[in-house]
mmCIF file of all heavy atoms, coordinates in Angstrom:
data_MODEL
# 
_entry.id   MODEL 
# 
loop_
_atom_site.group_PDB 
_atom_site.id 
_atom_site.type_symbol 
_atom_site.label_atom_id 
_atom_site.label_alt_id 
_atom_site.label_comp_id 
_atom_site.label_asym_id 
_atom_site.label_entity_id 
_atom_site.label_seq_id 
_atom_site.pdbx_PDB_ins_code 
_atom_site.Cartn_x 
_atom_site.Cartn_y 
_atom_site.Cartn_z 
_atom_site.occupancy 
_atom_site.B_iso_or_equiv 
_atom_site.pdbx_formal_charge 
_atom_site.auth_seq_id 
_atom_site.auth_comp_id 
_atom_site.auth_asym_id 
_atom_site.auth_atom_id 
_atom_site.pdbx_PDB_model_num 
ATOM 1   N N   . ASN A 1 1  ? -11.042 13.443  -10.072 1.00 0.00 ? 1  ASN A N   1 
ATOM 2   C CA  . ASN A 1 1  ? -11.002 14.091  -8.835  1.00 0.00 ? 1  ASN A CA  1 
ATOM 3   C C   . ASN A 1 1  ? -10.506 13.236  -7.603  1.00 0.00 ? 1  ASN A C   1 
ATOM 4   O O   . ASN A 1 1  ? -10.013 13.709  -6.602  1.00 0.00 ? 1  ASN A O   1 
ATOM 5   C CB  . ASN A 1 1  ? -12.389 14.648  -8.434  1.00 0.00 ? 1  ASN A CB  1 
ATOM 6   C CG  . ASN A 1 1  ? -12.884 15.640  -9.405  1.00 0.00 ? 1  ASN A CG  1 
ATOM 7   O OD1 . ASN A 1 1  ? -12.074 16.393  -9.967  1.00 0.00 ? 1  ASN A OD1 1 
ATOM 8   N ND2 . ASN A 1 1  ? -14.167 15.717  -9.671  1.00 0.00 ? 1  ASN A ND2 1 
ATOM 9   N N   . THR A 1 2  ? -10.648 11.958  -7.828  1.00 0.00 ? 2  THR A N   1 
ATOM 10  C CA  . THR A 1 2  ? -10.375 11.028  -6.684  1.00 0.00 ? 2  THR A CA  1 
ATOM 11  C C   . THR A 1 2  ? -8.992  10.203  -7.116  1.00 0.00 ? 2  THR A C   1 
ATOM 12  O O   . THR A 1 2  ? -8.636  9.356   -6.274  1.00 0.00 ? 2  THR A O   1 
ATOM 13  C CB  . THR A 1 2  ? -11.534 9.981   -6.443  1.00 0.00 ? 2  THR A CB  1 
ATOM 14  O OG1 . THR A 1 2  ? -11.834 9.295   -7.679  1.00 0.00 ? 2  THR A OG1 1 
ATOM 15  C CG2 . THR A 1 2  ? -12.686 10.824  -6.036  1.00 0.00 ? 2  THR A CG2 1 
ATOM 16  N N   . LYS A 1 3  ? -8.511  10.372  -8.281  1.00 0.00 ? 3  LYS A N   1 
ATOM 17  C CA  . LYS A 1 3  ? -7.441  9.593   -8.711  1.00 0.00 ? 3  LYS A CA  1 
ATOM 18  C C   . LYS A 1 3  ? -6.307  9.670   -7.740  1.00 0.00 ? 3  LYS A C   1 
ATOM 19  O O   . LYS A 1 3  ? -5.590  8.539   -7.500  1.00 0.00 ? 3  LYS A O   1 
ATOM 20  C CB  . LYS A 1 3  ? -6.932  10.009  -10.155 1.00 0.00 ? 3  LYS A CB  1 
ATOM 21  C CG  . LYS A 1 3  ? -5.853  9.187   -10.772 1.00 0.00 ? 3  LYS A CG  1 
ATOM 22  C CD  . LYS A 1 3  ? -5.622  9.561   -12.242 1.00 0.00 ? 3  LYS A CD  1 
ATOM 23  C CE  . LYS A 1 3  ? -4.623  8.675   -12.912 1.00 0.00 ? 3  LYS A CE  1 
ATOM 24  N NZ  . LYS A 1 3  ? -3.374  8.517   -12.193 1.00 0.00 ? 3  LYS A NZ  1 
ATOM 25  N N   . VAL A 1 4  ? -5.897  10.784  -7.257  1.00 0.00 ? 4  VAL A N   1 
ATOM 26  C CA  . VAL A 1 4  ? -4.740  10.895  -6.317  1.00 0.00 ? 4  VAL A CA  1 
ATOM 27  C C   . VAL A 1 4  ? -5.013  10.112  -5.123  1.00 0.00 ? 4  VAL A C   1 
ATOM 28  O O   . VAL A 1 4  ? -4.078  9.353   -4.568  1.00 0.00 ? 4  VAL A O   1 
ATOM 29  C CB  . VAL A 1 4  ? -4.513  12.382  -5.991  1.00 0.00 ? 4  VAL A CB  1 
ATOM 30  C CG1 . VAL A 1 4  ? -3.444  12.531  -4.931  1.00 0.00 ? 4  VAL A CG1 1 
ATOM 31  C CG2 . VAL A 1 4  ? -4.007  13.167  -7.246  1.00 0.00 ? 4  VAL A CG2 1 
ATOM 32  N N   . ALA A 1 5  ? -6.181  10.172  -4.622  1.00 0.00 ? 5  ALA A N   1 
ATOM 33  C CA  . ALA A 1 5  ? -6.546  9.334   -3.244  1.00 0.00 ? 5  ALA A CA  1 
ATOM 34  C C   . ALA A 1 5  ? -6.549  7.959   -3.681  1.00 0.00 ? 5  ALA A C   1 
ATOM 35  O O   . ALA A 1 5  ? -6.031  7.124   -2.768  1.00 0.00 ? 5  ALA A O   1 
ATOM 36  C CB  . ALA A 1 5  ? -7.906  9.892   -2.870  1.00 0.00 ? 5  ALA A CB  1 
ATOM 37  N N   . VAL A 1 6  ? -7.054  7.512   -4.770  1.00 0.00 ? 6  VAL A N   1 
ATOM 38  C CA  . VAL A 1 6  ? -7.045  6.145   -5.093  1.00 0.00 ? 6  VAL A CA  1 
ATOM 39  C C   . VAL A 1 6  ? -5.648  5.564   -5.236  1.00 0.00 ? 6  VAL A C   1 
ATOM 40  O O   . VAL A 1 6  ? -5.287  4.514   -4.777  1.00 0.00 ? 6  VAL A O   1 
ATOM 41  C CB  . VAL A 1 6  ? -7.825  5.883   -6.429  1.00 0.00 ? 6  VAL A CB  1 
ATOM 42  C CG1 . VAL A 1 6  ? -7.707  4.354   -6.945  1.00 0.00 ? 6  VAL A CG1 1 
ATOM 43  C CG2 . VAL A 1 6  ? -9.357  6.174   -6.206  1.00 0.00 ? 6  VAL A CG2 1 
ATOM 44  N N   . ASP A 1 7  ? -4.804  6.405   -5.977  1.00 0.00 ? 7  ASP A N   1 
ATOM 45  C CA  . ASP A 1 7  ? -3.404  5.919   -6.181  1.00 0.00 ? 7  ASP A CA  1 
ATOM 46  C C   . ASP A 1 7  ? -2.648  5.911   -4.799  1.00 0.00 ? 7  ASP A C   1 
ATOM 47  O O   . ASP A 1 7  ? -1.848  4.905   -4.533  1.00 0.00 ? 7  ASP A O   1 
ATOM 48  C CB  . ASP A 1 7  ? -2.687  6.864   -7.074  1.00 0.00 ? 7  ASP A CB  1 
ATOM 49  C CG  . ASP A 1 7  ? -3.120  6.839   -8.476  1.00 0.00 ? 7  ASP A CG  1 
ATOM 50  O OD1 . ASP A 1 7  ? -3.774  5.770   -8.802  1.00 0.00 ? 7  ASP A OD1 1 
ATOM 51  O OD2 . ASP A 1 7  ? -2.927  7.809   -9.308  1.00 0.00 ? 7  ASP A OD2 1 
ATOM 52  N N   . SER A 1 8  ? -3.028  6.792   -3.956  1.00 0.00 ? 8  SER A N   1 
ATOM 53  C CA  . SER A 1 8  ? -2.335  6.667   -2.513  1.00 0.00 ? 8  SER A CA  1 
ATOM 54  C C   . SER A 1 8  ? -2.817  5.560   -1.823  1.00 0.00 ? 8  SER A C   1 
ATOM 55  O O   . SER A 1 8  ? -2.001  4.869   -1.225  1.00 0.00 ? 8  SER A O   1 
ATOM 56  C CB  . SER A 1 8  ? -2.823  8.029   -1.803  1.00 0.00 ? 8  SER A CB  1 
ATOM 57  O OG  . SER A 1 8  ? -2.286  9.152   -2.446  1.00 0.00 ? 8  SER A OG  1 
ATOM 58  N N   . TYR A 1 9  ? -4.027  5.136   -1.966  1.00 0.00 ? 9  TYR A N   1 
ATOM 59  C CA  . TYR A 1 9  ? -4.660  3.951   -1.280  1.00 0.00 ? 9  TYR A CA  1 
ATOM 60  C C   . TYR A 1 9  ? -3.935  2.735   -1.827  1.00 0.00 ? 9  TYR A C   1 
ATOM 61  O O   . TYR A 1 9  ? -3.599  1.799   -1.121  1.00 0.00 ? 9  TYR A O   1 
ATOM 62  C CB  . TYR A 1 9  ? -6.150  3.880   -1.443  1.00 0.00 ? 9  TYR A CB  1 
ATOM 63  C CG  . TYR A 1 9  ? -6.738  2.646   -0.872  1.00 0.00 ? 9  TYR A CG  1 
ATOM 64  C CD1 . TYR A 1 9  ? -7.098  2.662   0.433   1.00 0.00 ? 9  TYR A CD1 1 
ATOM 65  C CD2 . TYR A 1 9  ? -7.108  1.591   -1.675  1.00 0.00 ? 9  TYR A CD2 1 
ATOM 66  C CE1 . TYR A 1 9  ? -7.682  1.563   1.016   1.00 0.00 ? 9  TYR A CE1 1 
ATOM 67  C CE2 . TYR A 1 9  ? -7.663  0.435   -1.142  1.00 0.00 ? 9  TYR A CE2 1 
ATOM 68  C CZ  . TYR A 1 9  ? -7.956  0.481   0.218   1.00 0.00 ? 9  TYR A CZ  1 
ATOM 69  O OH  . TYR A 1 9  ? -8.565  -0.682  0.718   1.00 0.00 ? 9  TYR A OH  1 
ATOM 70  N N   . ILE A 1 10 ? -3.810  2.629   -3.209  1.00 0.00 ? 10 ILE A N   1 
ATOM 71  C CA  . ILE A 1 10 ? -3.223  1.447   -3.822  1.00 0.00 ? 10 ILE A CA  1 
ATOM 72  C C   . ILE A 1 10 ? -1.742  1.321   -3.423  1.00 0.00 ? 10 ILE A C   1 
ATOM 73  O O   . ILE A 1 10 ? -1.247  0.251   -3.032  1.00 0.00 ? 10 ILE A O   1 
ATOM 74  C CB  . ILE A 1 10 ? -3.359  1.571   -5.299  1.00 0.00 ? 10 ILE A CB  1 
ATOM 75  C CG1 . ILE A 1 10 ? -4.784  1.378   -5.730  1.00 0.00 ? 10 ILE A CG1 1 
ATOM 76  C CG2 . ILE A 1 10 ? -2.515  0.502   -5.978  1.00 0.00 ? 10 ILE A CG2 1 
ATOM 77  C CD1 . ILE A 1 10 ? -4.967  1.583   -7.279  1.00 0.00 ? 10 ILE A CD1 1 
ATOM 78  N N   . ASN A 1 11 ? -1.026  2.439   -3.455  1.00 0.00 ? 11 ASN A N   1 
ATOM 79  C CA  . ASN A 1 11 ? 0.344   2.460   -3.039  1.00 0.00 ? 11 ASN A CA  1 
ATOM 80  C C   . ASN A 1 11 ? 0.536   2.121   -1.541  1.00 0.00 ? 11 ASN A C   1 
ATOM 81  O O   . ASN A 1 11 ? 1.509   1.274   -1.138  1.00 0.00 ? 11 ASN A O   1 
ATOM 82  C CB  . ASN A 1 11 ? 1.035   3.790   -3.285  1.00 0.00 ? 11 ASN A CB  1 
ATOM 83  C CG  . ASN A 1 11 ? 1.231   4.121   -4.772  1.00 0.00 ? 11 ASN A CG  1 
ATOM 84  O OD1 . ASN A 1 11 ? 1.229   3.190   -5.619  1.00 0.00 ? 11 ASN A OD1 1 
ATOM 85  N ND2 . ASN A 1 11 ? 1.193   5.295   -5.188  1.00 0.00 ? 11 ASN A ND2 1 
ATOM 86  N N   . PHE A 1 12 ? -0.294  2.586   -0.713  1.00 0.00 ? 12 PHE A N   1 
ATOM 87  C CA  . PHE A 1 12 ? -0.216  2.277   0.747   1.00 0.00 ? 12 PHE A CA  1 
ATOM 88  C C   . PHE A 1 12 ? -0.528  0.787   0.928   1.00 0.00 ? 12 PHE A C   1 
ATOM 89  O O   . PHE A 1 12 ? 0.137   0.152   1.758   1.00 0.00 ? 12 PHE A O   1 
ATOM 90  C CB  . PHE A 1 12 ? -1.336  3.137   1.465   1.00 0.00 ? 12 PHE A CB  1 
ATOM 91  C CG  . PHE A 1 12 ? -1.387  2.769   2.900   1.00 0.00 ? 12 PHE A CG  1 
ATOM 92  C CD1 . PHE A 1 12 ? -0.453  3.207   3.787   1.00 0.00 ? 12 PHE A CD1 1 
ATOM 93  C CD2 . PHE A 1 12 ? -2.475  2.177   3.388   1.00 0.00 ? 12 PHE A CD2 1 
ATOM 94  C CE1 . PHE A 1 12 ? -0.480  2.954   5.109   1.00 0.00 ? 12 PHE A CE1 1 
ATOM 95  C CE2 . PHE A 1 12 ? -2.588  1.747   4.775   1.00 0.00 ? 12 PHE A CE2 1 
ATOM 96  C CZ  . PHE A 1 12 ? -1.566  2.268   5.630   1.00 0.00 ? 12 PHE A CZ  1 
ATOM 97  N N   . SER A 1 13 ? -1.411  0.245   0.146   1.00 0.00 ? 13 SER A N   1 
ATOM 98  C CA  . SER A 1 13 ? -1.797  -1.185  0.364   1.00 0.00 ? 13 SER A CA  1 
ATOM 99  C C   . SER A 1 13 ? -0.638  -2.058  -0.094  1.00 0.00 ? 13 SER A C   1 
ATOM 100 O O   . SER A 1 13 ? -0.284  -3.001  0.675   1.00 0.00 ? 13 SER A O   1 
ATOM 101 C CB  . SER A 1 13 ? -3.067  -1.584  -0.580  1.00 0.00 ? 13 SER A CB  1 
ATOM 102 O OG  . SER A 1 13 ? -4.136  -0.799  -0.068  1.00 0.00 ? 13 SER A OG  1 
ATOM 103 N N   . LYS A 1 14 ? 0.044   -1.669  -1.189  1.00 0.00 ? 14 LYS A N   1 
ATOM 104 C CA  . LYS A 1 14 ? 1.176   -2.483  -1.584  1.00 0.00 ? 14 LYS A CA  1 
ATOM 105 C C   . LYS A 1 14 ? 2.317   -2.338  -0.589  1.00 0.00 ? 14 LYS A C   1 
ATOM 106 O O   . LYS A 1 14 ? 3.078   -3.362  -0.294  1.00 0.00 ? 14 LYS A O   1 
ATOM 107 C CB  . LYS A 1 14 ? 1.751   -1.913  -2.948  1.00 0.00 ? 14 LYS A CB  1 
ATOM 108 C CG  . LYS A 1 14 ? 0.788   -2.166  -4.051  1.00 0.00 ? 14 LYS A CG  1 
ATOM 109 C CD  . LYS A 1 14 ? 1.229   -1.683  -5.394  1.00 0.00 ? 14 LYS A CD  1 
ATOM 110 C CE  . LYS A 1 14 ? 0.399   -1.968  -6.595  1.00 0.00 ? 14 LYS A CE  1 
ATOM 111 N NZ  . LYS A 1 14 ? 0.834   -1.424  -7.838  1.00 0.00 ? 14 LYS A NZ  1 
ATOM 112 N N   . PHE A 1 15 ? 2.545   -1.153  -0.051  1.00 0.00 ? 15 PHE A N   1 
ATOM 113 C CA  . PHE A 1 15 ? 3.563   -0.918  0.980   1.00 0.00 ? 15 PHE A CA  1 
ATOM 114 C C   . PHE A 1 15 ? 3.229   -1.748  2.250   1.00 0.00 ? 15 PHE A C   1 
ATOM 115 O O   . PHE A 1 15 ? 4.195   -2.471  2.715   1.00 0.00 ? 15 PHE A O   1 
ATOM 116 C CB  . PHE A 1 15 ? 3.603   0.606   1.360   1.00 0.00 ? 15 PHE A CB  1 
ATOM 117 C CG  . PHE A 1 15 ? 4.502   0.885   2.553   1.00 0.00 ? 15 PHE A CG  1 
ATOM 118 C CD1 . PHE A 1 15 ? 5.854   0.976   2.416   1.00 0.00 ? 15 PHE A CD1 1 
ATOM 119 C CD2 . PHE A 1 15 ? 4.008   1.041   3.826   1.00 0.00 ? 15 PHE A CD2 1 
ATOM 120 C CE1 . PHE A 1 15 ? 6.671   1.374   3.404   1.00 0.00 ? 15 PHE A CE1 1 
ATOM 121 C CE2 . PHE A 1 15 ? 4.773   1.269   4.953   1.00 0.00 ? 15 PHE A CE2 1 
ATOM 122 C CZ  . PHE A 1 15 ? 6.186   1.422   4.690   1.00 0.00 ? 15 PHE A CZ  1 
ATOM 123 N N   . VAL A 1 16 ? 2.037   -1.861  2.616   1.00 0.00 ? 16 VAL A N   1 
ATOM 124 C CA  . VAL A 1 16 ? 1.696   -2.587  3.817   1.00 0.00 ? 16 VAL A CA  1 
ATOM 125 C C   . VAL A 1 16 ? 1.878   -4.055  3.583   1.00 0.00 ? 16 VAL A C   1 
ATOM 126 O O   . VAL A 1 16 ? 2.409   -4.835  4.413   1.00 0.00 ? 16 VAL A O   1 
ATOM 127 C CB  . VAL A 1 16 ? 0.210   -2.380  4.178   1.00 0.00 ? 16 VAL A CB  1 
ATOM 128 C CG1 . VAL A 1 16 ? -0.223  -3.371  5.361   1.00 0.00 ? 16 VAL A CG1 1 
ATOM 129 C CG2 . VAL A 1 16 ? 0.092   -0.920  4.750   1.00 0.00 ? 16 VAL A CG2 1 
ATOM 130 N N   . MET A 1 17 ? 1.456   -4.518  2.376   1.00 0.00 ? 17 MET A N   1 
ATOM 131 C CA  . MET A 1 17 ? 1.625   -5.946  1.992   1.00 0.00 ? 17 MET A CA  1 
ATOM 132 C C   . MET A 1 17 ? 3.151   -6.383  2.052   1.00 0.00 ? 17 MET A C   1 
ATOM 133 O O   . MET A 1 17 ? 3.482   -7.464  2.690   1.00 0.00 ? 17 MET A O   1 
ATOM 134 C CB  . MET A 1 17 ? 0.940   -6.247  0.672   1.00 0.00 ? 17 MET A CB  1 
ATOM 135 C CG  . MET A 1 17 ? 1.066   -7.690  0.220   1.00 0.00 ? 17 MET A CG  1 
ATOM 136 S SD  . MET A 1 17 ? 0.123   -8.827  1.353   1.00 0.00 ? 17 MET A SD  1 
ATOM 137 C CE  . MET A 1 17 ? -1.477  -8.274  0.949   1.00 0.00 ? 17 MET A CE  1 
ATOM 138 N N   . LYS A 1 18 ? 3.940   -5.610  1.342   1.00 0.00 ? 18 LYS A N   1 
ATOM 139 C CA  . LYS A 1 18 ? 5.364   -5.943  1.295   1.00 0.00 ? 18 LYS A CA  1 
ATOM 140 C C   . LYS A 1 18 ? 6.020   -5.945  2.698   1.00 0.00 ? 18 LYS A C   1 
ATOM 141 O O   . LYS A 1 18 ? 6.816   -6.874  3.050   1.00 0.00 ? 18 LYS A O   1 
ATOM 142 C CB  . LYS A 1 18 ? 6.121   -4.890  0.343   1.00 0.00 ? 18 LYS A CB  1 
ATOM 143 C CG  . LYS A 1 18 ? 5.753   -5.057  -1.096  1.00 0.00 ? 18 LYS A CG  1 
ATOM 144 C CD  . LYS A 1 18 ? 6.480   -3.987  -1.965  1.00 0.00 ? 18 LYS A CD  1 
ATOM 145 C CE  . LYS A 1 18 ? 6.218   -4.243  -3.447  1.00 0.00 ? 18 LYS A CE  1 
ATOM 146 N NZ  . LYS A 1 18 ? 6.836   -3.153  -4.258  1.00 0.00 ? 18 LYS A NZ  1 
ATOM 147 N N   . ASN A 1 19 ? 5.767   -4.943  3.461   1.00 0.00 ? 19 ASN A N   1 
ATOM 148 C CA  . ASN A 1 19 ? 6.342   -4.836  4.712   1.00 0.00 ? 19 ASN A CA  1 
ATOM 149 C C   . ASN A 1 19 ? 5.763   -5.862  5.763   1.00 0.00 ? 19 ASN A C   1 
ATOM 150 O O   . ASN A 1 19 ? 6.517   -6.302  6.621   1.00 0.00 ? 19 ASN A O   1 
ATOM 151 C CB  . ASN A 1 19 ? 6.196   -3.380  5.320   1.00 0.00 ? 19 ASN A CB  1 
ATOM 152 C CG  . ASN A 1 19 ? 7.122   -2.390  4.673   1.00 0.00 ? 19 ASN A CG  1 
ATOM 153 O OD1 . ASN A 1 19 ? 8.230   -2.261  5.107   1.00 0.00 ? 19 ASN A OD1 1 
ATOM 154 N ND2 . ASN A 1 19 ? 6.689   -1.748  3.590   1.00 0.00 ? 19 ASN A ND2 1 
ATOM 155 N N   . SER A 1 20 ? 4.545   -6.237  5.510   1.00 0.00 ? 20 SER A N   1 
ATOM 156 C CA  . SER A 1 20 ? 3.957   -7.273  6.374   1.00 0.00 ? 20 SER A CA  1 
ATOM 157 C C   . SER A 1 20 ? 4.634   -8.609  6.175   1.00 0.00 ? 20 SER A C   1 
ATOM 158 O O   . SER A 1 20 ? 5.003   -9.365  7.118   1.00 0.00 ? 20 SER A O   1 
ATOM 159 C CB  . SER A 1 20 ? 2.495   -7.422  6.014   1.00 0.00 ? 20 SER A CB  1 
ATOM 160 O OG  . SER A 1 20 ? 1.726   -6.337  6.368   1.00 0.00 ? 20 SER A OG  1 
ATOM 161 N N   . LEU A 1 21 ? 5.047   -8.903  4.913   1.00 0.00 ? 21 LEU A N   1 
ATOM 162 C CA  . LEU A 1 21 ? 5.770   -10.155 4.586   1.00 0.00 ? 21 LEU A CA  1 
ATOM 163 C C   . LEU A 1 21 ? 7.069   -10.225 5.181   1.00 0.00 ? 21 LEU A C   1 
ATOM 164 O O   . LEU A 1 21 ? 7.625   -11.163 5.812   1.00 0.00 ? 21 LEU A O   1 
ATOM 165 C CB  . LEU A 1 21 ? 5.897   -10.400 3.067   1.00 0.00 ? 21 LEU A CB  1 
ATOM 166 C CG  . LEU A 1 21 ? 4.524   -10.590 2.360   1.00 0.00 ? 21 LEU A CG  1 
ATOM 167 C CD1 . LEU A 1 21 ? 4.806   -10.649 0.875   1.00 0.00 ? 21 LEU A CD1 1 
ATOM 168 C CD2 . LEU A 1 21 ? 3.905   -11.866 2.754   1.00 0.00 ? 21 LEU A CD2 1 
ATOM 169 N N   . VAL A 1 22 ? 7.789   -8.988  5.163   1.00 0.00 ? 22 VAL A N   1 
ATOM 170 C CA  . VAL A 1 22 ? 9.192   -8.844  5.692   1.00 0.00 ? 22 VAL A CA  1 
ATOM 171 C C   . VAL A 1 22 ? 9.002   -8.940  7.244   1.00 0.00 ? 22 VAL A C   1 
ATOM 172 O O   . VAL A 1 22 ? 9.818   -9.663  7.913   1.00 0.00 ? 22 VAL A O   1 
ATOM 173 C CB  . VAL A 1 22 ? 9.844   -7.465  5.379   1.00 0.00 ? 22 VAL A CB  1 
ATOM 174 C CG1 . VAL A 1 22 ? 11.074  -7.329  6.120   1.00 0.00 ? 22 VAL A CG1 1 
ATOM 175 C CG2 . VAL A 1 22 ? 9.992   -7.430  3.826   1.00 0.00 ? 22 VAL A CG2 1 
ATOM 176 N N   . PHE A 1 23 ? 8.050   -8.280  7.784   1.00 0.00 ? 23 PHE A N   1 
ATOM 177 C CA  . PHE A 1 23 ? 7.868   -8.429  9.313   1.00 0.00 ? 23 PHE A CA  1 
ATOM 178 C C   . PHE A 1 23 ? 7.462   -9.784  9.718   1.00 0.00 ? 23 PHE A C   1 
ATOM 179 O O   . PHE A 1 23 ? 7.913   -10.318 10.816  1.00 0.00 ? 23 PHE A O   1 
ATOM 180 C CB  . PHE A 1 23 ? 6.601   -7.439  9.695   1.00 0.00 ? 23 PHE A CB  1 
ATOM 181 C CG  . PHE A 1 23 ? 6.601   -7.217  11.225  1.00 0.00 ? 23 PHE A CG  1 
ATOM 182 C CD1 . PHE A 1 23 ? 7.639   -6.727  11.904  1.00 0.00 ? 23 PHE A CD1 1 
ATOM 183 C CD2 . PHE A 1 23 ? 5.378   -7.497  11.796  1.00 0.00 ? 23 PHE A CD2 1 
ATOM 184 C CE1 . PHE A 1 23 ? 7.535   -6.630  13.282  1.00 0.00 ? 23 PHE A CE1 1 
ATOM 185 C CE2 . PHE A 1 23 ? 5.214   -7.346  13.113  1.00 0.00 ? 23 PHE A CE2 1 
ATOM 186 C CZ  . PHE A 1 23 ? 6.273   -6.919  13.872  1.00 0.00 ? 23 PHE A CZ  1 
ATOM 187 N N   . ALA A 1 24 ? 6.689   -10.540 8.942   1.00 0.00 ? 24 ALA A N   1 
ATOM 188 C CA  . ALA A 1 24 ? 6.287   -11.818 9.272   1.00 0.00 ? 24 ALA A CA  1 
ATOM 189 C C   . ALA A 1 24 ? 7.535   -12.794 9.267   1.00 0.00 ? 24 ALA A C   1 
ATOM 190 O O   . ALA A 1 24 ? 7.647   -13.642 10.132  1.00 0.00 ? 24 ALA A O   1 
ATOM 191 C CB  . ALA A 1 24 ? 5.254   -12.419 8.339   1.00 0.00 ? 24 ALA A CB  1 
ATOM 192 N N   . ALA A 1 25 ? 8.368   -12.581 8.221   1.00 0.00 ? 25 ALA A N   1 
ATOM 193 C CA  . ALA A 1 25 ? 9.602   -13.391 8.157   1.00 0.00 ? 25 ALA A CA  1 
ATOM 194 C C   . ALA A 1 25 ? 10.458  -13.062 9.275   1.00 0.00 ? 25 ALA A C   1 
ATOM 195 O O   . ALA A 1 25 ? 11.091  -14.044 9.952   1.00 0.00 ? 25 ALA A O   1 
ATOM 196 C CB  . ALA A 1 25 ? 10.392  -13.065 6.807   1.00 0.00 ? 25 ALA A CB  1 
# 
């Protein structure tokens, strides 16, 4: 029941991490 929300959270975290590194550079 929560798999979609968990996957969305994980994908969002990865997106933020990658873009944070690009933005920091």
